[in-house]
């Protein structure tokens, strides 16, 4: 949970005026999803490349707000490293609809198949849903 706390603290540090916020996603009522991808052995670089070159654009295409992404440096407990990121949605129902559309997208399926031609990139995924507290600093979500 230490990394989850660090991610939340880093997220709370992103502060700018409310006028810069996306019109249809209120940071105070949004649902945030903290996702942790445990890279398969030797696959962290390929997983980062897939996010960088394809996944973020496809997330945005399907209404998921990319908030921030981190790499945890390899540790004894997680020698292959992890990608930790936060997405935001207007509601939990919107999250479910966005993920269904993303998973069903032929473009995503092609990207996943190409990137996993030599084996799976992800060994495990953890997901935590969060809502902002009333005392959190104002957050500007990336567009």
N, C-alpha and C. Protein backbone atom coordinates (compact mmCIF):
# COMPACT_ATOMS: atom_id res chain seq x y z
N UNK A 1 0.81 -1.19 0.00
CA UNK A 1 0.00 0.00 0.00
C UNK A 1 0.86 1.25 0.00
N UNK A 2 2.14 1.14 0.33
CA UNK A 2 3.01 2.31 0.37
C UNK A 2 3.01 3.02 -0.97
N UNK A 3 3.09 2.29 -2.07
CA UNK A 3 3.11 2.91 -3.39
C UNK A 3 1.77 3.59 -3.69
N UNK A 4 0.67 3.01 -3.22
CA UNK A 4 -0.64 3.63 -3.43
C UNK A 4 -0.70 4.97 -2.70
N UNK A 5 -0.19 5.02 -1.49
CA UNK A 5 -0.17 6.28 -0.75
C UNK A 5 0.70 7.30 -1.45
N UNK A 6 1.86 6.90 -1.95
CA UNK A 6 2.74 7.81 -2.68
C UNK A 6 2.06 8.35 -3.92
N UNK A 7 1.36 7.49 -4.64
CA UNK A 7 0.65 7.91 -5.84
C UNK A 7 -0.43 8.92 -5.50
N UNK A 8 -1.16 8.67 -4.41
CA UNK A 8 -2.21 9.60 -4.01
C UNK A 8 -1.64 10.95 -3.61
N UNK A 9 -0.52 10.94 -2.90
CA UNK A 9 0.11 12.19 -2.51
C UNK A 9 0.61 12.96 -3.73
N UNK A 10 1.21 12.26 -4.68
CA UNK A 10 1.66 12.91 -5.90
C UNK A 10 0.49 13.47 -6.68
N UNK A 11 -0.61 12.74 -6.72
CA UNK A 11 -1.80 13.19 -7.41
C UNK A 11 -2.35 14.46 -6.77
N UNK A 12 -2.37 14.51 -5.46
CA UNK A 12 -2.90 15.67 -4.77
C UNK A 12 -2.04 16.91 -4.97
N UNK A 13 -0.79 16.73 -5.38
CA UNK A 13 0.11 17.86 -5.58
C UNK A 13 -0.10 18.58 -6.90
N UNK A 14 -0.92 18.04 -7.78
CA UNK A 14 -1.17 18.64 -9.09
C UNK A 14 -2.29 19.66 -8.92
N UNK A 15 -1.94 20.91 -8.69
CA UNK A 15 -2.94 21.91 -8.35
C UNK A 15 -2.88 23.07 -9.35
N UNK A 16 -4.04 23.44 -9.92
CA UNK A 16 -4.18 24.63 -10.76
C UNK A 16 -5.60 25.14 -10.64
N UNK A 17 -5.89 26.33 -11.18
CA UNK A 17 -7.23 26.90 -11.03
C UNK A 17 -8.32 26.03 -11.62
N UNK A 18 -9.53 26.15 -11.06
CA UNK A 18 -10.68 25.37 -11.52
C UNK A 18 -11.02 25.68 -12.97
N UNK A 19 -10.73 26.88 -13.46
CA UNK A 19 -11.07 27.23 -14.84
C UNK A 19 -10.33 26.37 -15.85
N UNK A 20 -9.23 25.74 -15.45
CA UNK A 20 -8.46 24.89 -16.36
C UNK A 20 -9.00 23.47 -16.42
N UNK A 21 -10.00 23.16 -15.59
CA UNK A 21 -10.52 21.81 -15.53
C UNK A 21 -11.40 21.50 -16.72
N UNK A 22 -11.43 20.26 -17.10
CA UNK A 22 -12.28 19.80 -18.19
C UNK A 22 -13.74 20.02 -17.81
N UNK A 23 -14.54 20.54 -18.73
CA UNK A 23 -15.91 20.95 -18.44
C UNK A 23 -16.80 19.82 -17.95
N UNK A 24 -16.65 18.60 -18.47
CA UNK A 24 -17.61 17.56 -18.11
C UNK A 24 -17.09 16.57 -17.07
N UNK A 25 -16.01 16.87 -16.40
CA UNK A 25 -15.49 15.98 -15.36
C UNK A 25 -15.06 16.81 -14.17
N UNK A 26 -15.88 16.81 -13.15
CA UNK A 26 -15.60 17.57 -11.94
C UNK A 26 -14.68 16.75 -11.05
N UNK A 27 -13.48 17.25 -10.78
CA UNK A 27 -12.53 16.48 -9.95
C UNK A 27 -13.07 16.14 -8.57
N UNK A 28 -13.99 16.93 -8.05
CA UNK A 28 -14.54 16.68 -6.71
C UNK A 28 -15.52 15.51 -6.70
N UNK A 29 -16.17 15.24 -7.83
CA UNK A 29 -17.16 14.16 -7.86
C UNK A 29 -16.72 12.99 -8.74
N UNK A 30 -15.59 13.15 -9.42
CA UNK A 30 -15.10 12.09 -10.30
C UNK A 30 -14.75 10.83 -9.51
N UNK A 31 -14.76 9.72 -10.21
CA UNK A 31 -14.28 8.46 -9.66
C UNK A 31 -12.88 8.26 -10.21
N UNK A 32 -11.92 8.04 -9.33
CA UNK A 32 -10.53 7.81 -9.72
C UNK A 32 -10.22 6.33 -9.57
N UNK A 33 -9.45 5.84 -10.51
CA UNK A 33 -9.03 4.44 -10.43
C UNK A 33 -7.51 4.40 -10.41
N UNK A 34 -6.98 3.87 -9.33
CA UNK A 34 -5.54 3.67 -9.19
C UNK A 34 -5.25 2.25 -9.65
N UNK A 35 -4.49 2.12 -10.74
CA UNK A 35 -4.21 0.80 -11.32
C UNK A 35 -2.72 0.52 -11.22
N UNK A 36 -2.39 -0.70 -10.87
CA UNK A 36 -1.00 -1.14 -10.79
C UNK A 36 -0.83 -2.35 -11.69
N UNK A 37 0.09 -2.23 -12.64
CA UNK A 37 0.40 -3.33 -13.54
C UNK A 37 1.77 -3.88 -13.15
N UNK A 38 1.80 -5.14 -12.81
CA UNK A 38 3.03 -5.84 -12.49
C UNK A 38 3.56 -6.41 -13.80
N UNK A 39 4.71 -5.91 -14.24
CA UNK A 39 5.26 -6.36 -15.52
C UNK A 39 5.66 -7.82 -15.45
N UNK A 40 5.42 -8.53 -16.55
CA UNK A 40 5.92 -9.89 -16.69
C UNK A 40 7.45 -9.82 -16.76
N UNK A 41 8.14 -10.89 -16.41
CA UNK A 41 9.60 -10.87 -16.41
C UNK A 41 10.18 -10.33 -17.73
N UNK A 42 11.00 -9.29 -17.59
CA UNK A 42 11.69 -8.70 -18.74
C UNK A 42 10.81 -7.87 -19.66
N UNK A 43 9.58 -7.55 -19.26
CA UNK A 43 8.64 -6.89 -20.17
C UNK A 43 8.29 -5.44 -19.80
N UNK A 44 8.93 -4.85 -18.80
CA UNK A 44 8.58 -3.50 -18.39
C UNK A 44 8.78 -2.49 -19.53
N UNK A 45 9.87 -2.58 -20.24
CA UNK A 45 10.12 -1.62 -21.34
C UNK A 45 9.05 -1.75 -22.42
N UNK A 46 8.68 -2.97 -22.77
CA UNK A 46 7.65 -3.18 -23.79
C UNK A 46 6.29 -2.69 -23.29
N UNK A 47 6.00 -2.87 -22.01
CA UNK A 47 4.75 -2.40 -21.45
C UNK A 47 4.69 -0.87 -21.47
N UNK A 48 5.79 -0.23 -21.08
CA UNK A 48 5.86 1.23 -21.16
C UNK A 48 5.68 1.71 -22.60
N UNK A 49 6.28 1.04 -23.54
CA UNK A 49 6.15 1.43 -24.96
C UNK A 49 4.70 1.31 -25.41
N UNK A 50 4.02 0.26 -25.00
CA UNK A 50 2.62 0.09 -25.40
C UNK A 50 1.76 1.21 -24.82
N UNK A 51 1.98 1.56 -23.56
CA UNK A 51 1.24 2.69 -22.98
C UNK A 51 1.56 3.97 -23.74
N UNK A 52 2.85 4.25 -23.93
CA UNK A 52 3.30 5.48 -24.57
C UNK A 52 2.76 5.62 -25.98
N UNK A 53 2.83 4.56 -26.75
CA UNK A 53 2.52 4.63 -28.17
C UNK A 53 1.06 4.37 -28.51
N UNK A 54 0.31 3.68 -27.63
CA UNK A 54 -1.05 3.28 -28.00
C UNK A 54 -2.10 3.47 -26.91
N UNK A 55 -1.82 2.95 -25.73
CA UNK A 55 -2.86 2.80 -24.72
C UNK A 55 -3.46 4.12 -24.27
N UNK A 56 -2.63 5.14 -24.00
CA UNK A 56 -3.17 6.41 -23.53
C UNK A 56 -4.16 7.00 -24.54
N UNK A 57 -3.81 6.93 -25.82
CA UNK A 57 -4.71 7.46 -26.85
C UNK A 57 -6.02 6.68 -26.89
N UNK A 58 -5.93 5.37 -26.75
CA UNK A 58 -7.14 4.55 -26.77
C UNK A 58 -7.99 4.77 -25.52
N UNK A 59 -7.35 4.95 -24.38
CA UNK A 59 -8.10 5.29 -23.17
C UNK A 59 -8.90 6.58 -23.41
N UNK A 60 -8.21 7.60 -23.91
CA UNK A 60 -8.87 8.89 -24.16
C UNK A 60 -10.01 8.74 -25.16
N UNK A 61 -9.79 7.95 -26.19
CA UNK A 61 -10.83 7.71 -27.21
C UNK A 61 -12.11 7.17 -26.56
N UNK A 62 -11.96 6.40 -25.50
CA UNK A 62 -13.11 5.76 -24.86
C UNK A 62 -13.55 6.47 -23.58
N UNK A 63 -13.18 7.73 -23.44
CA UNK A 63 -13.69 8.55 -22.34
C UNK A 63 -12.99 8.39 -21.01
N UNK A 64 -11.84 7.75 -21.01
CA UNK A 64 -11.07 7.63 -19.77
C UNK A 64 -10.11 8.80 -19.70
N UNK A 65 -10.04 9.45 -18.54
CA UNK A 65 -9.14 10.58 -18.39
C UNK A 65 -7.82 10.07 -17.83
N UNK A 66 -6.74 10.25 -18.58
CA UNK A 66 -5.39 9.91 -18.13
C UNK A 66 -4.95 10.99 -17.16
N UNK A 67 -4.76 10.64 -15.89
CA UNK A 67 -4.37 11.63 -14.89
C UNK A 67 -2.86 11.66 -14.74
N UNK A 68 -2.24 10.51 -14.43
CA UNK A 68 -0.79 10.47 -14.25
C UNK A 68 -0.32 9.02 -14.26
N UNK A 69 0.96 8.85 -14.63
CA UNK A 69 1.57 7.53 -14.73
C UNK A 69 2.92 7.57 -14.03
N UNK A 70 3.26 6.46 -13.36
CA UNK A 70 4.54 6.33 -12.67
C UNK A 70 5.13 4.96 -12.97
N UNK A 71 6.46 4.89 -12.91
CA UNK A 71 7.17 3.61 -12.90
C UNK A 71 7.75 3.42 -11.51
N UNK A 72 7.47 2.28 -10.93
CA UNK A 72 8.15 1.93 -9.69
C UNK A 72 9.44 1.25 -10.11
N UNK A 73 10.51 1.67 -9.54
CA UNK A 73 11.78 1.04 -9.85
C UNK A 73 11.76 -0.40 -9.33
N UNK A 74 12.41 -1.30 -10.03
CA UNK A 74 12.45 -2.70 -9.57
C UNK A 74 12.95 -2.79 -8.13
N UNK A 75 12.31 -3.66 -7.39
CA UNK A 75 12.70 -3.90 -6.00
C UNK A 75 12.88 -5.40 -5.83
N UNK A 76 13.34 -5.81 -4.67
CA UNK A 76 13.48 -7.23 -4.41
C UNK A 76 12.11 -7.92 -4.47
N UNK A 77 11.09 -7.23 -3.97
CA UNK A 77 9.74 -7.79 -3.97
C UNK A 77 9.13 -7.81 -5.38
N UNK A 78 9.45 -6.80 -6.18
CA UNK A 78 8.93 -6.69 -7.55
C UNK A 78 10.10 -6.45 -8.51
N UNK A 79 10.88 -7.47 -8.79
CA UNK A 79 12.11 -7.29 -9.58
C UNK A 79 11.87 -6.86 -11.02
N UNK A 80 10.67 -7.07 -11.53
CA UNK A 80 10.40 -6.68 -12.91
C UNK A 80 9.74 -5.31 -13.02
N UNK A 81 9.54 -4.63 -11.91
CA UNK A 81 8.99 -3.29 -11.91
C UNK A 81 7.48 -3.29 -12.08
N UNK A 82 6.92 -2.10 -11.87
CA UNK A 82 5.48 -1.92 -11.99
C UNK A 82 5.19 -0.57 -12.62
N UNK A 83 4.05 -0.50 -13.31
CA UNK A 83 3.51 0.77 -13.78
C UNK A 83 2.29 1.05 -12.92
N UNK A 84 2.26 2.24 -12.36
CA UNK A 84 1.16 2.65 -11.51
C UNK A 84 0.56 3.90 -12.14
N UNK A 85 -0.75 3.89 -12.33
CA UNK A 85 -1.36 5.05 -12.96
C UNK A 85 -2.75 5.31 -12.42
N UNK A 86 -3.24 6.53 -12.71
CA UNK A 86 -4.56 6.94 -12.26
C UNK A 86 -5.37 7.39 -13.47
N UNK A 87 -6.59 6.87 -13.55
CA UNK A 87 -7.57 7.30 -14.53
C UNK A 87 -8.73 7.95 -13.78
N UNK A 88 -9.46 8.84 -14.46
CA UNK A 88 -10.62 9.47 -13.84
C UNK A 88 -11.82 9.32 -14.77
N UNK A 89 -13.00 9.20 -14.13
CA UNK A 89 -14.26 9.03 -14.85
C UNK A 89 -15.33 9.87 -14.15
N UNK A 90 -16.37 10.25 -14.88
CA UNK A 90 -17.46 10.99 -14.24
C UNK A 90 -18.22 10.16 -13.21
N UNK A 91 -18.26 8.84 -13.38
CA UNK A 91 -18.99 7.96 -12.47
C UNK A 91 -18.47 6.54 -12.62
N UNK A 92 -18.90 5.68 -11.72
CA UNK A 92 -18.51 4.26 -11.82
C UNK A 92 -19.16 3.62 -13.04
N UNK A 93 -20.40 4.01 -13.36
CA UNK A 93 -21.08 3.49 -14.55
C UNK A 93 -20.34 3.90 -15.82
N UNK A 94 -19.85 5.14 -15.84
CA UNK A 94 -19.07 5.61 -17.00
C UNK A 94 -17.78 4.81 -17.11
N UNK A 95 -17.19 4.47 -15.99
CA UNK A 95 -15.97 3.66 -16.00
C UNK A 95 -16.25 2.31 -16.65
N UNK A 96 -17.32 1.67 -16.22
CA UNK A 96 -17.64 0.35 -16.76
C UNK A 96 -17.90 0.41 -18.26
N UNK A 97 -18.63 1.41 -18.71
CA UNK A 97 -18.91 1.56 -20.14
C UNK A 97 -17.63 1.84 -20.93
N UNK A 98 -16.76 2.68 -20.39
CA UNK A 98 -15.51 3.00 -21.07
C UNK A 98 -14.61 1.78 -21.21
N UNK A 99 -14.49 1.00 -20.13
CA UNK A 99 -13.64 -0.19 -20.18
C UNK A 99 -14.19 -1.23 -21.14
N UNK A 100 -15.50 -1.38 -21.16
CA UNK A 100 -16.10 -2.34 -22.10
C UNK A 100 -15.80 -1.92 -23.54
N UNK A 101 -15.97 -0.64 -23.83
CA UNK A 101 -15.69 -0.14 -25.19
C UNK A 101 -14.21 -0.31 -25.53
N UNK A 102 -13.35 -0.03 -24.58
CA UNK A 102 -11.91 -0.17 -24.79
C UNK A 102 -11.53 -1.62 -25.09
N UNK A 103 -11.97 -2.54 -24.26
CA UNK A 103 -11.63 -3.95 -24.42
C UNK A 103 -12.18 -4.52 -25.74
N UNK A 104 -13.33 -4.02 -26.15
CA UNK A 104 -13.95 -4.50 -27.39
C UNK A 104 -13.43 -3.80 -28.65
N UNK A 105 -12.63 -2.76 -28.50
CA UNK A 105 -12.15 -1.98 -29.63
C UNK A 105 -11.19 -2.83 -30.49
N UNK A 106 -11.47 -2.98 -31.79
CA UNK A 106 -10.59 -3.77 -32.66
C UNK A 106 -9.16 -3.21 -32.71
N UNK A 107 -9.02 -1.90 -32.59
CA UNK A 107 -7.68 -1.31 -32.59
C UNK A 107 -6.90 -1.78 -31.37
N UNK A 108 -7.54 -1.77 -30.17
CA UNK A 108 -6.88 -2.25 -28.97
C UNK A 108 -6.52 -3.73 -29.09
N UNK A 109 -7.44 -4.51 -29.60
CA UNK A 109 -7.18 -5.95 -29.74
C UNK A 109 -5.97 -6.20 -30.64
N UNK A 110 -5.84 -5.41 -31.71
CA UNK A 110 -4.70 -5.56 -32.62
C UNK A 110 -3.41 -5.14 -31.92
N UNK A 111 -3.45 -4.01 -31.19
CA UNK A 111 -2.27 -3.54 -30.45
C UNK A 111 -1.85 -4.59 -29.43
N UNK A 112 -2.81 -5.11 -28.67
CA UNK A 112 -2.49 -6.11 -27.65
C UNK A 112 -1.88 -7.36 -28.28
N UNK A 113 -2.46 -7.81 -29.37
CA UNK A 113 -1.94 -9.02 -30.03
C UNK A 113 -0.52 -8.80 -30.53
N UNK A 114 -0.26 -7.67 -31.16
CA UNK A 114 1.09 -7.38 -31.66
C UNK A 114 2.09 -7.27 -30.52
N UNK A 115 1.71 -6.56 -29.47
CA UNK A 115 2.65 -6.32 -28.37
C UNK A 115 2.91 -7.57 -27.54
N UNK A 116 2.01 -8.53 -27.61
CA UNK A 116 2.17 -9.76 -26.83
C UNK A 116 2.55 -10.96 -27.70
N UNK A 117 3.06 -10.69 -28.89
CA UNK A 117 3.47 -11.78 -29.79
C UNK A 117 4.53 -12.67 -29.15
N UNK A 118 5.38 -12.08 -28.30
CA UNK A 118 6.44 -12.85 -27.63
C UNK A 118 6.10 -13.15 -26.17
N UNK A 119 4.83 -13.05 -25.82
CA UNK A 119 4.41 -13.34 -24.45
C UNK A 119 3.71 -12.17 -23.81
N UNK A 120 2.94 -12.49 -22.77
CA UNK A 120 2.18 -11.47 -22.03
C UNK A 120 3.11 -10.42 -21.45
N UNK A 121 2.65 -9.17 -21.43
CA UNK A 121 3.43 -8.07 -20.85
C UNK A 121 3.11 -7.87 -19.38
N UNK A 122 1.91 -8.27 -18.97
CA UNK A 122 1.45 -8.02 -17.61
C UNK A 122 1.22 -9.34 -16.88
N UNK A 123 1.82 -9.44 -15.69
CA UNK A 123 1.64 -10.64 -14.88
C UNK A 123 0.43 -10.53 -13.95
N UNK A 124 0.12 -9.29 -13.52
CA UNK A 124 -0.96 -9.09 -12.55
C UNK A 124 -1.40 -7.64 -12.61
N UNK A 125 -2.68 -7.40 -12.33
CA UNK A 125 -3.22 -6.04 -12.26
C UNK A 125 -3.98 -5.87 -10.95
N UNK A 126 -3.72 -4.77 -10.26
CA UNK A 126 -4.49 -4.38 -9.09
C UNK A 126 -5.23 -3.10 -9.42
N UNK A 127 -6.42 -2.95 -8.88
CA UNK A 127 -7.23 -1.76 -9.13
C UNK A 127 -7.89 -1.32 -7.84
N UNK A 128 -7.83 -0.01 -7.56
CA UNK A 128 -8.45 0.59 -6.38
C UNK A 128 -9.27 1.78 -6.86
N UNK A 129 -10.53 1.88 -6.40
CA UNK A 129 -11.38 3.01 -6.76
C UNK A 129 -11.38 4.02 -5.62
N UNK A 130 -11.31 5.31 -6.00
CA UNK A 130 -11.18 6.37 -5.01
C UNK A 130 -12.10 7.53 -5.38
N UNK A 131 -12.54 8.25 -4.38
CA UNK A 131 -13.19 9.54 -4.58
C UNK A 131 -12.43 10.55 -3.75
N UNK A 132 -12.45 11.79 -4.20
CA UNK A 132 -11.69 12.84 -3.54
C UNK A 132 -12.37 13.26 -2.23
N UNK A 133 -11.58 13.53 -1.23
CA UNK A 133 -12.11 14.01 0.04
C UNK A 133 -12.47 15.49 -0.09
N UNK A 134 -13.27 15.99 0.83
CA UNK A 134 -13.66 17.39 0.80
C UNK A 134 -12.51 18.31 1.21
N UNK A 135 -11.44 17.78 1.78
CA UNK A 135 -10.31 18.60 2.21
C UNK A 135 -9.11 18.51 1.27
N UNK A 136 -9.26 17.76 0.18
CA UNK A 136 -8.16 17.62 -0.78
C UNK A 136 -7.95 18.95 -1.53
N UNK A 137 -6.69 19.28 -1.86
CA UNK A 137 -6.47 20.46 -2.69
C UNK A 137 -7.17 20.27 -4.05
N UNK A 138 -7.49 21.39 -4.68
CA UNK A 138 -8.13 21.32 -5.98
C UNK A 138 -7.18 20.63 -6.96
N UNK A 139 -7.77 19.84 -7.84
CA UNK A 139 -7.00 19.04 -8.79
C UNK A 139 -7.43 19.43 -10.19
N UNK A 140 -6.48 19.64 -11.06
CA UNK A 140 -6.79 19.85 -12.46
C UNK A 140 -6.48 18.59 -13.19
N UNK A 141 -7.48 18.07 -13.87
CA UNK A 141 -7.30 16.84 -14.62
C UNK A 141 -6.77 17.15 -16.01
N UNK A 142 -5.85 16.34 -16.50
CA UNK A 142 -5.36 16.53 -17.87
C UNK A 142 -6.51 16.40 -18.85
N UNK A 143 -6.41 17.10 -19.95
CA UNK A 143 -7.45 17.02 -20.96
C UNK A 143 -7.25 15.82 -21.84
